[in-house]
C-alpha atoms as a PDB file:
ATOM      1  CA  MET A   1     -17.791  13.866   7.454  1.00  0.00           C
ATOM      2  CA  THR A   2     -17.145  14.395  11.118  1.00  0.00           C
ATOM      3  CA  TYR A   3     -13.730  15.267  12.423  1.00  0.00           C
ATOM      4  CA  GLU A   4     -13.403  11.844  14.045  1.00  0.00           C
ATOM      5  CA  GLU A   5     -14.329  10.124  10.756  1.00  0.00           C
ATOM      6  CA  PHE A   6     -11.683  12.220   8.976  1.00  0.00           C
ATOM      7  CA  LYS A   7      -9.028  11.158  11.478  1.00  0.00           C
ATOM      8  CA  ALA A   8     -10.023   7.492  11.278  1.00  0.00           C
ATOM      9  CA  PHE A   9     -10.014   7.548   7.475  1.00  0.00           C
ATOM     10  CA  CYS A  10      -6.604   9.218   7.178  1.00  0.00           C
ATOM     11  CA  GLY A  11      -5.163   6.906   9.815  1.00  0.00           C
ATOM     12  CA  ALA A  12      -6.332   3.843   7.880  1.00  0.00           C
ATOM     13  CA  LEU A  13      -4.467   4.783   4.688  1.00  0.00           C
ATOM     14  CA  PRO A  14      -1.192   2.900   4.116  1.00  0.00           C
ATOM     15  CA  ALA A  15       1.994   4.076   5.868  1.00  0.00           C
ATOM     16  CA  THR A  16       0.502   7.224   7.375  1.00  0.00           C
ATOM     17  CA  THR A  17       1.739   9.129  10.380  1.00  0.00           C
ATOM     18  CA  HIS A  18      -0.040  11.785  12.402  1.00  0.00           C
ATOM     19  CA  VAL A  19       1.257  14.841  14.202  1.00  0.00           C
ATOM     20  CA  VAL A  20      -0.394  17.843  15.787  1.00  0.00           C
ATOM     21  CA  GLN A  21       1.265  21.060  14.672  1.00  0.00           C
ATOM     22  CA  TRP A  22       0.596  24.537  13.296  1.00  0.00           C
ATOM     23  CA  GLY A  23      -1.594  25.710  16.142  1.00  0.00           C
ATOM     24  CA  GLY A  24      -3.291  22.405  16.899  1.00  0.00           C
ATOM     25  CA  ALA A  25      -4.005  21.118  13.390  1.00  0.00           C
ATOM     26  CA  ASP A  26      -4.101  17.369  12.800  1.00  0.00           C
ATOM     27  CA  VAL A  27      -1.477  16.816  10.105  1.00  0.00           C
ATOM     28  CA  TRP A  28      -1.401  13.521   8.209  1.00  0.00           C
ATOM     29  CA  LYS A  29       1.747  12.459   6.388  1.00  0.00           C
ATOM     30  CA  VAL A  30       3.028   9.654   4.201  1.00  0.00           C
ATOM     31  CA  GLY A  31       6.799   9.249   4.045  1.00  0.00           C
ATOM     32  CA  GLY A  32       7.189  12.449   6.067  1.00  0.00           C
ATOM     33  CA  LYS A  33       5.259  14.501   3.486  1.00  0.00           C
ATOM     34  CA  VAL A  34       1.889  16.113   4.264  1.00  0.00           C
ATOM     35  CA  PHE A  35      -1.157  14.827   2.386  1.00  0.00           C
ATOM     36  CA  ALA A  36      -4.032  16.068   4.596  1.00  0.00           C
ATOM     37  CA  ILE A  37      -4.678  18.606   7.336  1.00  0.00           C
ATOM     38  CA  GLY A  38      -7.644  18.776   9.661  1.00  0.00           C
ATOM     39  CA  GLY A  39      -8.504  21.930  11.514  1.00  0.00           C
ATOM     40  CA  TRP A  40     -11.355  24.259  12.267  1.00  0.00           C
ATOM     41  CA  HIS A  41     -13.001  27.164  10.464  1.00  0.00           C
ATOM     42  CA  GLU A  42     -15.601  29.171  12.386  1.00  0.00           C
ATOM     43  CA  GLU A  43     -16.344  26.262  14.750  1.00  0.00           C
ATOM     44  CA  ARG A  44     -16.725  23.759  11.876  1.00  0.00           C
ATOM     45  CA  PRO A  45     -14.231  21.123  10.769  1.00  0.00           C
ATOM     46  CA  ALA A  46     -12.088  22.115   7.798  1.00  0.00           C
ATOM     47  CA  PHE A  47     -10.241  19.497   5.755  1.00  0.00           C
ATOM     48  CA  THR A  48      -7.306  20.365   3.501  1.00  0.00           C
ATOM     49  CA  PHE A  49      -5.790  18.127   0.843  1.00  0.00           C
ATOM     50  CA  LYS A  50      -3.477  18.141  -2.182  1.00  0.00           C
ATOM     51  CA  THR A  51      -5.014  17.862  -5.658  1.00  0.00           C
ATOM     52  CA  THR A  52      -3.975  17.666  -9.262  1.00  0.00           C
ATOM     53  CA  GLU A  53      -3.862  20.942 -11.171  1.00  0.00           C
ATOM     54  CA  ILE A  54      -7.078  20.090 -13.027  1.00  0.00           C
ATOM     55  CA  SER A  55      -8.961  19.208  -9.836  1.00  0.00           C
ATOM     56  CA  PHE A  56      -7.676  22.376  -8.186  1.00  0.00           C
ATOM     57  CA  GLU A  57      -9.053  24.543 -11.012  1.00  0.00           C
ATOM     58  CA  ILE A  58     -12.460  22.886 -10.749  1.00  0.00           C
ATOM     59  CA  LEU A  59     -12.743  22.628  -6.960  1.00  0.00           C
ATOM     60  CA  LYS A  60     -11.617  26.154  -6.108  1.00  0.00           C
ATOM     61  CA  GLU A  61     -14.832  27.504  -7.645  1.00  0.00           C
ATOM     62  CA  GLU A  62     -17.213  25.141  -5.812  1.00  0.00           C
ATOM     63  CA  PRO A  63     -19.339  26.314  -2.855  1.00  0.00           C
ATOM     64  CA  GLY A  64     -17.848  25.355   0.503  1.00  0.00           C
ATOM     65  CA  LEU A  65     -14.375  24.873  -1.002  1.00  0.00           C
ATOM     66  CA  ARG A  66     -11.485  27.267  -1.483  1.00  0.00           C
ATOM     67  CA  PRO A  67      -7.792  27.298  -2.274  1.00  0.00           C
ATOM     68  CA  ALA A  68      -6.126  26.310   0.988  1.00  0.00           C
ATOM     69  CA  PRO A  69      -4.929  29.301   2.964  1.00  0.00           C
ATOM     70  CA  TYR A  70      -1.134  29.653   2.952  1.00  0.00           C
ATOM     71  CA  LEU A  71      -0.509  26.614   0.723  1.00  0.00           C
ATOM     72  CA  ALA A  72      -2.366  27.778  -2.375  1.00  0.00           C
ATOM     73  CA  SER A  73      -1.004  31.296  -2.022  1.00  0.00           C
ATOM     74  CA  ARG A  74       2.428  29.769  -2.643  1.00  0.00           C
ATOM     75  CA  GLY A  75       1.359  28.206  -5.913  1.00  0.00           C
ATOM     76  CA  LEU A  76       0.569  24.774  -4.489  1.00  0.00           C
ATOM     77  CA  THR A  77      -2.562  22.893  -5.546  1.00  0.00           C
ATOM     78  CA  TRP A  78      -4.210  22.401  -2.169  1.00  0.00           C
ATOM     79  CA  ILE A  79      -7.955  22.735  -1.502  1.00  0.00           C
ATOM     80  CA  GLN A  80      -9.747  23.320   1.782  1.00  0.00           C
ATOM     81  CA  ASP A  81     -13.260  22.013   2.374  1.00  0.00           C
ATOM     82  CA  PHE A  82     -14.347  24.501   5.036  1.00  0.00           C
ATOM     83  CA  ALA A  83     -18.130  24.184   4.798  1.00  0.00           C
ATOM     84  CA  GLN A  84     -18.839  20.589   3.815  1.00  0.00           C
ATOM     85  CA  GLY A  85     -18.712  21.420   0.125  1.00  0.00           C
ATOM     86  CA  LEU A  86     -18.008  17.767  -0.706  1.00  0.00           C
ATOM     87  CA  SER A  87     -20.040  14.694   0.076  1.00  0.00           C
ATOM     88  CA  ASP A  88     -18.389  12.240   2.442  1.00  0.00           C
ATOM     89  CA  GLU A  89     -17.779   9.883  -0.469  1.00  0.00           C
ATOM     90  CA  ASP A  90     -16.130  12.584  -2.590  1.00  0.00           C
ATOM     91  CA  LEU A  91     -14.030  13.832   0.335  1.00  0.00           C
ATOM     92  CA  ARG A  92     -12.760  10.295   0.966  1.00  0.00           C
ATOM     93  CA  ALA A  93     -11.891   9.982  -2.741  1.00  0.00           C
ATOM     94  CA  TYR A  94      -9.944  13.267  -2.713  1.00  0.00           C
ATOM     95  CA  LEU A  95      -8.141  12.347   0.516  1.00  0.00           C
ATOM     96  CA  ARG A  96      -7.192   8.979  -0.978  1.00  0.00           C
ATOM     97  CA  ALA A  97      -6.007  10.713  -4.163  1.00  0.00           C
ATOM     98  CA  SER A  98      -3.978  13.209  -2.099  1.00  0.00           C
ATOM     99  CA  HIS A  99      -2.310  10.331  -0.258  1.00  0.00           C
ATOM    100  CA  ARG A 100      -1.502   8.685  -3.601  1.00  0.00           C
ATOM    101  CA  LEU A 101      -0.156  11.889  -5.138  1.00  0.00           C
ATOM    102  CA  VAL A 102       2.195  12.416  -2.225  1.00  0.00           C
ATOM    103  CA  ALA A 103       3.199   8.731  -2.011  1.00  0.00           C
ATOM    104  CA  ASN A 104       3.904   8.591  -5.738  1.00  0.00           C
ATOM    105  CA  GLY A 105       6.183  11.626  -5.322  1.00  0.00           C
ATOM    106  CA  LEU A 106       8.406   9.805  -2.845  1.00  0.00           C
ATOM    107  CA  SER A 107      11.612   8.199  -4.012  1.00  0.00           C
ATOM    108  CA  LYS A 108      11.337   4.578  -5.126  1.00  0.00           C
ATOM    109  CA  LYS A 109      13.579   3.628  -2.202  1.00  0.00           C
ATOM    110  CA  LYS A 110      11.262   5.365   0.291  1.00  0.00           C
ATOM    111  CA  GLN A 111       8.178   3.801  -1.313  1.00  0.00           C
ATOM    112  CA  LYS A 112       9.746   0.370  -0.907  1.00  0.00           C
ATOM    113  CA  GLU A 113      10.718   1.050   2.724  1.00  0.00           C
ATOM    114  CA  LEU A 114       7.106   1.978   3.469  1.00  0.00           C
ATOM    115  CA  GLY A 115       5.642  -0.942   1.533  1.00  0.00           C
ATOM    116  CA  LEU A 116       4.167   1.423  -1.028  1.00  0.00           C
ATOM    117  CA  ASP A 117       5.960   0.004  -4.040  1.00  0.00           C
ATOM    118  CA  GLN A 118       3.035  -2.043  -5.357  1.00  0.00           C
ATOM    119  CA  GLU A 119       0.544  -0.619  -7.842  1.00  0.00           C
ATOM    120  CA  ASP A 120      -3.151  -0.954  -7.055  1.00  0.00           C
ATOM    121  CA  GLY A 121      -4.334  -1.660 -10.595  1.00  0.00           C
ATOM    122  CA  GLU A 122      -4.951   2.000 -11.368  1.00  0.00           C
ATOM    123  CA  GLY A 123      -1.293   2.984 -11.713  1.00  0.00           C
ATOM    124  CA  TRP A 124      -1.069   4.303  -8.160  1.00  0.00           C
ATOM    125  CA  VAL A 125       1.079   2.939  -5.400  1.00  0.00           C
ATOM    126  CA  ARG A 126      -0.949   1.291  -2.690  1.00  0.00           C
END
């Protein structure tokens, strides 16, 4: 996935906002909470996202992936794809899941304000 494709995909998810912070990283949020970060690692795009504990345990051992610097060292389940360790399809699925994890963690009131209070058939807010 190119950096531009990453930005377009994150921007198309429901109720997202984008800011540039932390030294020029593209930070994607839902309800004010981070769900994805785009940056660079040795001149290549690096994409960081939140995962479940099970996914974290599996993904951290895969080539091209690692526990996200700073976030994972604080006990958070965030993975960084720094060398295209995931196919574009899998990366999109993990970014979508990260968005859902963060959105589902918002208060019911906030979900409703953002129009995220409807389930998508899989038990996730849309």
